[in-house]
Protein backbone atom coordinates (compact mmCIF):
# COMPACT_ATOMS: atom_id res chain seq x y z
CA UNK A 1 30.57 -84.67 1.57
CA UNK A 2 30.72 -81.57 -0.79
CA UNK A 3 29.05 -78.36 0.27
CA UNK A 4 28.00 -76.08 -2.43
CA UNK A 5 26.84 -72.50 -2.32
CA UNK A 6 24.89 -71.16 -5.12
CA UNK A 7 25.85 -67.64 -6.01
CA UNK A 8 22.87 -65.48 -7.07
CA UNK A 9 22.95 -63.20 -9.93
CA UNK A 10 24.42 -59.72 -8.87
CA UNK A 11 21.98 -56.99 -8.27
CA UNK A 12 22.20 -55.01 -11.34
CA UNK A 13 19.52 -52.44 -10.50
CA UNK A 14 18.05 -51.46 -6.99
CA UNK A 15 14.77 -49.68 -6.50
CA UNK A 16 13.71 -47.77 -3.41
CA UNK A 17 10.23 -46.05 -3.14
CA UNK A 18 9.61 -42.87 -1.34
CA UNK A 19 6.45 -40.99 -0.89
CA UNK A 20 6.93 -37.20 -1.68
CA UNK A 21 5.22 -33.99 -2.16
CA UNK A 22 5.13 -31.92 -5.31
CA UNK A 23 6.25 -28.31 -4.79
CA UNK A 24 6.86 -25.39 -7.20
CA UNK A 25 10.14 -24.87 -8.67
CA UNK A 26 11.97 -21.76 -7.71
CA UNK A 27 9.07 -19.95 -6.23
CA UNK A 28 10.41 -16.41 -5.40
CA UNK A 29 8.87 -13.61 -3.52
CA UNK A 30 9.41 -10.17 -5.16
CA UNK A 31 9.39 -7.04 -3.08
CA UNK A 32 10.44 -3.40 -3.55
CA UNK A 33 13.78 -2.12 -2.19
CA UNK A 34 12.16 1.21 -1.24
CA UNK A 35 8.76 2.02 0.42
CA UNK A 36 5.97 3.73 -1.46
CA UNK A 37 2.35 3.51 -2.80
CA UNK A 38 1.71 0.92 -5.34
CA UNK A 39 0.46 2.80 -8.40
CA UNK A 40 0.12 -0.13 -10.87
CA UNK A 41 -0.32 -3.91 -10.33
CA UNK A 42 0.28 -5.35 -13.88
CA UNK A 43 -0.18 -9.04 -13.20
CA UNK A 44 -2.97 -11.34 -11.81
CA UNK A 45 -2.47 -15.03 -10.18
CA UNK A 46 -2.08 -17.58 -12.82
CA UNK A 47 -0.66 -15.20 -15.48
CA UNK A 48 2.41 -16.08 -17.23
CA UNK A 49 5.20 -13.48 -17.19
CA UNK A 50 8.48 -13.13 -19.25
CA UNK A 51 12.01 -12.50 -17.63
CA UNK A 52 12.36 -8.81 -17.15
CA UNK A 53 8.60 -7.96 -17.50
CA UNK A 54 7.41 -5.25 -15.11
CA UNK A 55 4.89 -6.87 -12.51
CA UNK A 56 4.27 -3.73 -10.42
CA UNK A 57 5.10 0.05 -10.13
CA UNK A 58 5.26 2.36 -7.24
CA UNK A 59 3.96 6.06 -7.49
CA UNK A 60 7.20 7.93 -8.43
CA UNK A 61 5.88 11.64 -8.76
CA UNK A 62 7.79 12.77 -5.52
CA UNK A 63 10.99 10.99 -6.63
CA UNK A 64 10.96 12.58 -10.07
CA UNK A 65 10.69 15.96 -8.52
CA UNK A 66 13.59 15.11 -6.25
CA UNK A 67 15.36 13.83 -9.40
CA UNK A 68 14.83 17.14 -11.31
CA UNK A 69 16.09 19.09 -8.16
CA UNK A 70 19.04 17.05 -7.84
CA UNK A 71 20.00 17.31 -11.32
CA UNK A 72 19.83 20.99 -11.31
CA UNK A 73 21.83 21.01 -8.11
CA UNK A 74 24.53 18.82 -9.84
CA UNK A 75 24.53 21.06 -12.94
CA UNK A 76 24.96 24.11 -10.89
CA UNK A 77 27.77 22.58 -8.79
CA UNK A 78 29.61 21.53 -12.06
CA UNK A 79 29.35 25.01 -13.45
CA UNK A 80 30.65 26.46 -10.22
CA UNK A 81 33.56 24.17 -10.15
CA UNK A 82 34.33 24.76 -13.83
CA UNK A 83 34.39 28.65 -13.08
CA UNK A 84 36.31 27.96 -9.82
CA UNK A 85 39.08 26.04 -11.61
CA UNK A 86 39.44 28.90 -14.21
CA UNK A 87 39.70 31.31 -11.39
CA UNK A 88 42.07 29.20 -9.46
CA UNK A 89 44.44 29.04 -12.45
CA UNK A 90 44.50 32.85 -12.42
CA UNK A 91 45.26 32.85 -8.72
CA UNK A 92 41.97 34.67 -7.93
CA UNK A 93 40.78 31.98 -5.46
CA UNK A 94 42.39 30.03 -2.88
CA UNK A 95 42.86 26.10 -2.99
CA UNK A 96 40.63 25.76 0.01
CA UNK A 97 37.77 27.33 -2.07
CA UNK A 98 38.51 25.16 -4.96
CA UNK A 99 38.44 22.23 -2.67
CA UNK A 100 35.11 23.30 -1.40
CA UNK A 101 33.72 23.53 -4.79
CA UNK A 102 35.01 20.14 -5.64
CA UNK A 103 33.40 18.50 -2.66
CA UNK A 104 30.20 20.33 -3.31
CA UNK A 105 30.08 18.91 -6.73
CA UNK A 106 30.89 15.36 -5.60
CA UNK A 107 28.07 15.68 -2.86
CA UNK A 108 25.55 16.77 -5.47
CA UNK A 109 26.58 14.12 -8.03
CA UNK A 110 26.18 11.40 -5.12
CA UNK A 111 22.63 12.83 -4.36
CA UNK A 112 21.87 12.78 -7.95
CA UNK A 113 22.94 9.18 -8.41
CA UNK A 114 21.04 8.02 -5.44
CA UNK A 115 17.83 9.52 -6.75
CA UNK A 116 18.55 7.89 -9.98
CA UNK A 117 18.70 4.50 -8.47
CA UNK A 118 15.62 5.04 -6.21
CA UNK A 119 13.52 5.78 -9.55
CA UNK A 120 14.81 2.57 -10.98
CA UNK A 121 13.59 0.67 -7.72
CA UNK A 122 10.10 1.93 -8.34
CA UNK A 123 9.56 -0.81 -10.92
CA UNK A 124 9.22 -4.59 -9.76
CA UNK A 125 10.51 -6.78 -12.58
CA UNK A 126 10.22 -10.68 -12.95
CA UNK A 127 13.53 -12.34 -12.38
CA UNK A 128 12.83 -15.16 -14.76
CA UNK A 129 10.08 -16.35 -16.95
CA UNK A 130 7.27 -18.24 -14.89
CA UNK A 131 3.71 -17.96 -13.60
CA UNK A 132 2.49 -15.60 -11.03
CA UNK A 133 1.49 -17.66 -7.85
CA UNK A 134 0.08 -15.01 -5.68
CA UNK A 135 -0.55 -11.20 -5.60
CA UNK A 136 -0.24 -10.22 -1.92
CA UNK A 137 -0.83 -6.47 -2.41
CA UNK A 138 -3.54 -4.19 -3.99
CA UNK A 139 -3.22 -1.00 -6.01
CA UNK A 140 -2.85 2.19 -3.85
CA UNK A 141 -1.66 0.09 -0.93
CA UNK A 142 1.45 1.34 0.85
CA UNK A 143 4.50 -1.16 1.04
CA UNK A 144 7.78 -1.12 2.79
CA UNK A 145 11.15 -2.48 1.63
CA UNK A 146 11.18 -6.26 1.68
CA UNK A 147 7.41 -6.77 1.71
CA UNK A 148 6.20 -9.46 -0.65
CA UNK A 149 4.09 -8.06 -3.37
CA UNK A 150 3.99 -10.91 -6.04
CA UNK A 151 5.22 -14.41 -5.88
CA UNK A 152 6.41 -16.18 -8.97
CA UNK A 153 7.28 -19.72 -9.88
CA UNK A 154 8.90 -21.66 -12.77
CA UNK A 155 6.16 -23.55 -14.73
CA UNK A 156 8.53 -25.69 -16.85
CA UNK A 157 9.53 -28.09 -14.07
CA UNK A 158 8.44 -29.12 -10.49
CA UNK A 159 10.35 -30.27 -7.54
CA UNK A 160 9.44 -33.46 -5.58
CA UNK A 161 10.08 -33.05 -2.01
CA UNK A 162 10.80 -36.22 -0.05
CA UNK A 163 12.06 -37.15 3.52
CA UNK A 164 15.05 -39.49 4.00
CA UNK A 165 15.96 -41.35 7.22
CA UNK A 166 19.38 -40.80 8.64
CA UNK A 167 20.04 -44.44 7.79
CA UNK A 168 19.72 -43.84 4.12
CA UNK A 169 21.61 -40.42 4.09
CA UNK A 170 24.49 -42.15 5.74
CA UNK A 171 24.58 -44.89 3.10
CA UNK A 172 25.01 -42.49 0.29
CA UNK A 173 28.51 -42.39 -0.95
CA UNK A 174 29.49 -39.12 -2.54
CA UNK A 175 32.21 -40.56 -4.66
CA UNK A 176 29.90 -43.09 -6.28
CA UNK A 177 29.29 -42.97 -10.12
CA UNK A 178 26.06 -41.10 -10.43
CA UNK A 179 25.75 -41.26 -14.44
CA UNK A 180 23.22 -44.17 -14.40
CA UNK A 181 21.28 -42.62 -11.40
CA UNK A 182 17.84 -41.82 -12.86
CA UNK A 183 15.17 -41.23 -10.32
CA UNK A 184 11.71 -41.45 -11.55
CA UNK A 185 8.35 -39.78 -10.00
CA UNK A 186 4.98 -41.36 -10.32
CA UNK A 187 2.13 -38.91 -10.00
CA UNK A 188 -0.86 -40.73 -8.85
CA UNK A 189 -4.09 -40.14 -10.83
CA UNK A 190 -7.61 -41.47 -10.66
CA UNK A 191 -7.02 -44.08 -13.46
CA UNK A 192 -3.32 -45.07 -13.26
CA UNK A 193 0.30 -43.88 -12.25
CA UNK A 194 2.12 -42.06 -14.70
CA UNK A 195 5.89 -42.29 -14.57
CA UNK A 196 7.73 -38.97 -15.04
CA UNK A 197 11.61 -38.77 -15.27
CA UNK A 198 13.27 -36.23 -13.21
């Protein structure tokens, strides 16, 4: 009696199919860092935008006035400190008075720089090139910090979201070679399924 075992051809390729949902890639909600009234909405849903393009602006009239005031105060404090340093070198004022002038200049400089940053925050720019998904606010509407004004997504790629069972996740070996791993997505159409490599 001879017992034989036929060894089948080793599995070279293995396929698994999962149903998924196509979602936009890198969809980002854009919002202002400061509160204010929207003066300009420069984009519409479906419009393409470039990286760094301004999509919305806040009314900055009050901030511009505060900027001019802060600049004037800073320049005045700088001149006073310069005069104070000269008087101190001639021993006409005390060191405490010079310290007061120095701290006053530092305070006005901080206020001036703060207003400068706030003016920069009145422009909302696209962080990457893409397409406007939604415009959630309207012109002349007041917005607070962190409120979504515009949503942008990348139009050069899409993500396919799938749900995997715990069994499949547990069988994945992180150390395995992934060079030959090429998932393919099939988008079902009315005529036929079209393969797309991811």
